[in-house]
Every structure is written in structure tokens, then in C-alpha cells.
Amino acid sequence: MGSLSSRVEEIVPRMRIVARTWTNTQEQADDIVCRALELALRRLPPPDHGIEDWLFGLLNLARSRPPRRLCETLADRRRSTWLSHEGRPD
């Protein structure tokens, strides 16, 4: 089995798919996934729990929590990128 980080990287696309079923936009779904990954960074998975079950539990928890400033929303990032380019496309 791979490292924790490689396992998380494998699971994130499925987390995005599930989160998308809960939201109106992919941007909102990605914000939920971001909040779940923030929670994951703050704690280790329980030894008796599979990584996937643990991450999807955190995803469900993140769904019910409002966004935090630590995880800048994608809309904020896009807005700041747009402003830094003075509205010019990349």
C-alpha cells in the first residue's frame, strides 16, 4: 500500500464527485473538499479506520460546516487572480 499522501491523492477525485452531488456548482463542491482536507491535516486517521472511510466521513462533516478563511474559496482565488491581471485573460 502507498503512502498516506498518495492514498489521499487517489481518493480526492471521488470526493469531488460526491461533493458535486450535494451542490449547485463544482466550485462549491471543491470548497467542501478543501474544508475536508483541512480537517484531515489537523488529525491523523484512526488506526482501525480505512483512509477512504475516514476521508469521506470528514467530507460529510465539512459539508455541514461553513467555509473558513484558512481555505480560501475558489471564487476568492479567481477574483484575486482576475484583479491581479486587471481583467485580462491568461
N, C-alpha and C. Protein backbone atom coordinates (compact mmCIF):
# COMPACT_ATOMS: atom_id res chain seq x y z
N MET A 1 0.85 -1.17 0.00
CA MET A 1 0.00 0.00 0.00
C MET A 1 0.89 1.24 0.00
N GLY A 2 0.45 2.31 -0.68
CA GLY A 2 1.22 3.53 -0.80
C GLY A 2 1.19 4.38 0.46
N SER A 3 1.88 5.49 0.38
CA SER A 3 1.92 6.41 1.50
C SER A 3 0.54 7.06 1.69
N LEU A 4 0.38 7.69 2.84
CA LEU A 4 -0.87 8.37 3.15
C LEU A 4 -1.17 9.43 2.09
N SER A 5 -0.16 10.20 1.72
CA SER A 5 -0.41 11.27 0.74
C SER A 5 -0.82 10.71 -0.62
N SER A 6 -0.23 9.61 -1.04
CA SER A 6 -0.61 9.04 -2.33
C SER A 6 -2.02 8.46 -2.28
N ARG A 7 -2.39 7.88 -1.15
CA ARG A 7 -3.76 7.36 -1.00
C ARG A 7 -4.77 8.50 -1.04
N VAL A 8 -4.45 9.60 -0.37
CA VAL A 8 -5.34 10.76 -0.37
C VAL A 8 -5.50 11.28 -1.79
N GLU A 9 -4.39 11.39 -2.52
CA GLU A 9 -4.45 11.86 -3.91
C GLU A 9 -5.34 10.97 -4.77
N GLU A 10 -5.35 9.67 -4.50
CA GLU A 10 -6.20 8.75 -5.26
C GLU A 10 -7.67 8.96 -4.94
N ILE A 11 -7.98 9.36 -3.73
CA ILE A 11 -9.36 9.45 -3.25
C ILE A 11 -10.00 10.80 -3.57
N VAL A 12 -9.20 11.85 -3.66
CA VAL A 12 -9.74 13.21 -3.86
C VAL A 12 -10.68 13.31 -5.07
N PRO A 13 -10.38 12.72 -6.22
CA PRO A 13 -11.33 12.83 -7.34
C PRO A 13 -12.71 12.27 -7.00
N ARG A 14 -12.76 11.18 -6.25
CA ARG A 14 -14.06 10.62 -5.86
C ARG A 14 -14.75 11.52 -4.84
N MET A 15 -13.96 12.16 -3.97
CA MET A 15 -14.54 13.11 -3.02
C MET A 15 -15.19 14.27 -3.77
N ARG A 16 -14.53 14.74 -4.82
CA ARG A 16 -15.08 15.84 -5.63
C ARG A 16 -16.40 15.42 -6.29
N ILE A 17 -16.48 14.20 -6.76
CA ILE A 17 -17.69 13.71 -7.41
C ILE A 17 -18.85 13.67 -6.41
N VAL A 18 -18.58 13.12 -5.23
CA VAL A 18 -19.62 13.04 -4.20
C VAL A 18 -20.05 14.43 -3.77
N ALA A 19 -19.10 15.31 -3.52
CA ALA A 19 -19.44 16.67 -3.09
C ALA A 19 -20.25 17.39 -4.17
N ARG A 20 -19.97 17.09 -5.41
CA ARG A 20 -20.70 17.75 -6.50
C ARG A 20 -22.17 17.37 -6.48
N THR A 21 -22.49 16.17 -6.02
CA THR A 21 -23.91 15.76 -5.95
C THR A 21 -24.66 16.56 -4.88
N TRP A 22 -23.92 17.18 -3.96
CA TRP A 22 -24.54 17.95 -2.88
C TRP A 22 -24.71 19.42 -3.21
N THR A 23 -24.12 19.90 -4.29
CA THR A 23 -24.04 21.33 -4.54
C THR A 23 -24.57 21.70 -5.92
N ASN A 24 -24.63 23.02 -6.13
CA ASN A 24 -25.08 23.53 -7.43
C ASN A 24 -23.94 23.70 -8.42
N THR A 25 -22.72 23.85 -7.92
CA THR A 25 -21.58 24.09 -8.81
C THR A 25 -20.38 23.27 -8.37
N GLN A 26 -19.47 23.05 -9.30
CA GLN A 26 -18.22 22.36 -8.97
C GLN A 26 -17.40 23.20 -8.00
N GLU A 27 -17.50 24.50 -8.13
CA GLU A 27 -16.76 25.41 -7.24
C GLU A 27 -17.18 25.19 -5.78
N GLN A 28 -18.48 25.08 -5.53
CA GLN A 28 -18.96 24.82 -4.17
C GLN A 28 -18.50 23.44 -3.69
N ALA A 29 -18.54 22.48 -4.58
CA ALA A 29 -18.08 21.13 -4.24
C ALA A 29 -16.61 21.13 -3.87
N ASP A 30 -15.80 21.85 -4.64
CA ASP A 30 -14.37 21.91 -4.35
C ASP A 30 -14.10 22.60 -3.01
N ASP A 31 -14.93 23.57 -2.65
CA ASP A 31 -14.78 24.21 -1.34
C ASP A 31 -15.04 23.22 -0.21
N ILE A 32 -16.03 22.35 -0.38
CA ILE A 32 -16.32 21.32 0.63
C ILE A 32 -15.13 20.36 0.73
N VAL A 33 -14.61 19.94 -0.41
CA VAL A 33 -13.46 19.03 -0.40
C VAL A 33 -12.27 19.71 0.28
N CYS A 34 -12.06 20.97 -0.01
CA CYS A 34 -10.96 21.72 0.61
C CYS A 34 -11.12 21.74 2.13
N ARG A 35 -12.34 21.99 2.60
CA ARG A 35 -12.58 22.01 4.06
C ARG A 35 -12.33 20.63 4.66
N ALA A 36 -12.72 19.58 3.95
CA ALA A 36 -12.48 18.21 4.44
C ALA A 36 -10.98 17.93 4.54
N LEU A 37 -10.23 18.37 3.53
CA LEU A 37 -8.78 18.14 3.56
C LEU A 37 -8.11 18.97 4.66
N GLU A 38 -8.65 20.13 4.95
CA GLU A 38 -8.14 20.92 6.08
C GLU A 38 -8.33 20.14 7.38
N LEU A 39 -9.52 19.56 7.54
CA LEU A 39 -9.77 18.75 8.73
C LEU A 39 -8.80 17.57 8.80
N ALA A 40 -8.54 16.96 7.66
CA ALA A 40 -7.62 15.82 7.61
C ALA A 40 -6.21 16.23 8.02
N LEU A 41 -5.81 17.43 7.66
CA LEU A 41 -4.47 17.90 8.04
C LEU A 41 -4.33 18.13 9.54
N ARG A 42 -5.44 18.34 10.20
CA ARG A 42 -5.41 18.62 11.65
C ARG A 42 -5.44 17.37 12.51
N ARG A 43 -5.72 16.24 11.90
CA ARG A 43 -5.81 15.00 12.69
C ARG A 43 -5.36 13.80 11.87
N LEU A 44 -4.92 12.80 12.55
CA LEU A 44 -4.50 11.57 11.88
C LEU A 44 -5.68 10.61 11.79
N PRO A 45 -5.67 9.75 10.78
CA PRO A 45 -6.77 8.78 10.70
C PRO A 45 -6.66 7.78 11.85
N PRO A 46 -7.80 7.36 12.39
CA PRO A 46 -7.76 6.35 13.45
C PRO A 46 -7.14 5.06 12.91
N PRO A 47 -6.36 4.38 13.73
CA PRO A 47 -5.68 3.16 13.25
C PRO A 47 -6.63 2.06 12.79
N ASP A 48 -7.83 2.02 13.35
CA ASP A 48 -8.78 0.96 13.00
C ASP A 48 -9.72 1.36 11.88
N HIS A 49 -9.46 2.49 11.23
CA HIS A 49 -10.33 3.01 10.18
C HIS A 49 -9.57 3.04 8.86
N GLY A 50 -10.24 2.71 7.79
CA GLY A 50 -9.63 2.83 6.47
C GLY A 50 -9.53 4.30 6.09
N ILE A 51 -8.51 4.64 5.33
CA ILE A 51 -8.28 6.02 4.91
C ILE A 51 -9.50 6.56 4.15
N GLU A 52 -10.05 5.76 3.26
CA GLU A 52 -11.18 6.23 2.46
C GLU A 52 -12.40 6.52 3.33
N ASP A 53 -12.72 5.62 4.24
CA ASP A 53 -13.85 5.85 5.15
C ASP A 53 -13.63 7.11 5.98
N TRP A 54 -12.42 7.29 6.44
CA TRP A 54 -12.07 8.46 7.26
C TRP A 54 -12.25 9.75 6.46
N LEU A 55 -11.73 9.78 5.24
CA LEU A 55 -11.84 10.98 4.41
C LEU A 55 -13.28 11.29 4.03
N PHE A 56 -14.06 10.27 3.72
CA PHE A 56 -15.46 10.53 3.37
C PHE A 56 -16.27 10.95 4.59
N GLY A 57 -15.89 10.48 5.77
CA GLY A 57 -16.51 10.98 7.00
C GLY A 57 -16.21 12.46 7.20
N LEU A 58 -14.95 12.85 6.94
CA LEU A 58 -14.58 14.25 7.05
C LEU A 58 -15.28 15.08 5.97
N LEU A 59 -15.46 14.51 4.80
CA LEU A 59 -16.18 15.21 3.73
C LEU A 59 -17.61 15.51 4.17
N ASN A 60 -18.25 14.54 4.77
CA ASN A 60 -19.61 14.74 5.26
C ASN A 60 -19.65 15.80 6.36
N LEU A 61 -18.66 15.78 7.23
CA LEU A 61 -18.56 16.79 8.28
C LEU A 61 -18.34 18.18 7.68
N ALA A 62 -17.48 18.27 6.69
CA ALA A 62 -17.18 19.55 6.04
C ALA A 62 -18.40 20.10 5.33
N ARG A 63 -19.26 19.23 4.88
CA ARG A 63 -20.49 19.65 4.19
C ARG A 63 -21.36 20.51 5.10
N SER A 64 -21.36 20.20 6.38
CA SER A 64 -22.22 20.92 7.33
C SER A 64 -21.55 22.13 7.96
N ARG A 65 -20.28 22.35 7.65
CA ARG A 65 -19.54 23.47 8.24
C ARG A 65 -19.42 24.62 7.25
N PRO A 66 -19.52 25.84 7.75
CA PRO A 66 -19.33 26.98 6.85
C PRO A 66 -17.87 27.10 6.44
N PRO A 67 -17.60 27.76 5.32
CA PRO A 67 -16.20 27.95 4.89
C PRO A 67 -15.42 28.73 5.93
N ARG A 68 -14.13 28.44 6.01
CA ARG A 68 -13.23 29.17 6.90
C ARG A 68 -12.23 29.91 6.06
N ARG A 69 -11.67 30.93 6.61
CA ARG A 69 -10.71 31.74 5.86
C ARG A 69 -9.44 30.98 5.54
N LEU A 70 -9.08 29.97 6.33
CA LEU A 70 -7.88 29.20 6.04
C LEU A 70 -7.96 28.59 4.64
N CYS A 71 -9.14 28.17 4.29
CA CYS A 71 -9.35 27.60 2.96
C CYS A 71 -10.04 28.65 2.12
N GLU A 72 -9.25 29.44 1.46
CA GLU A 72 -9.80 30.48 0.61
C GLU A 72 -10.69 29.84 -0.44
N THR A 73 -11.87 30.38 -0.64
CA THR A 73 -12.77 29.76 -1.61
C THR A 73 -12.23 29.95 -3.02
N LEU A 74 -12.62 29.06 -3.87
CA LEU A 74 -12.17 29.15 -5.26
C LEU A 74 -12.63 30.46 -5.89
N ALA A 75 -13.82 30.91 -5.52
CA ALA A 75 -14.31 32.18 -6.07
C ALA A 75 -13.39 33.32 -5.65
N ASP A 76 -12.92 33.30 -4.40
CA ASP A 76 -11.99 34.33 -3.93
C ASP A 76 -10.69 34.28 -4.73
N ARG A 77 -10.20 33.07 -4.96
CA ARG A 77 -8.95 32.92 -5.71
C ARG A 77 -9.11 33.43 -7.14
N ARG A 78 -10.21 33.09 -7.75
CA ARG A 78 -10.43 33.53 -9.13
C ARG A 78 -10.55 35.05 -9.18
N ARG A 79 -11.26 35.61 -8.20
CA ARG A 79 -11.43 37.06 -8.17
C ARG A 79 -10.08 37.75 -8.00
N SER A 80 -9.25 37.26 -7.08
CA SER A 80 -7.96 37.90 -6.86
C SER A 80 -7.04 37.72 -8.07
N THR A 81 -7.12 36.60 -8.75
CA THR A 81 -6.34 36.39 -9.97
C THR A 81 -6.80 37.35 -11.05
N TRP A 82 -8.11 37.47 -11.18
CA TRP A 82 -8.66 38.38 -12.18
C TRP A 82 -8.22 39.81 -11.91
N LEU A 83 -8.29 40.22 -10.64
CA LEU A 83 -7.90 41.59 -10.29
C LEU A 83 -6.40 41.82 -10.51
N SER A 84 -5.59 40.79 -10.22
CA SER A 84 -4.15 40.96 -10.39
C SER A 84 -3.76 41.07 -11.87
N HIS A 85 -4.60 40.53 -12.74
CA HIS A 85 -4.36 40.64 -14.18
C HIS A 85 -5.15 41.80 -14.79
N GLU A 86 -5.78 42.57 -13.92
CA GLU A 86 -6.59 43.72 -14.36
C GLU A 86 -7.62 43.31 -15.40
N GLY A 87 -8.20 42.12 -15.18
CA GLY A 87 -9.28 41.68 -16.06
C GLY A 87 -8.82 41.06 -17.35
N ARG A 88 -7.53 40.98 -17.57
CA ARG A 88 -7.03 40.37 -18.81
C ARG A 88 -7.02 38.85 -18.66
N PRO A 89 -7.49 38.13 -19.65
CA PRO A 89 -7.41 36.66 -19.58
C PRO A 89 -5.94 36.21 -19.65
N ASP A 90 -5.69 35.03 -19.10
CA ASP A 90 -4.33 34.48 -19.13
C ASP A 90 -3.86 34.18 -20.53
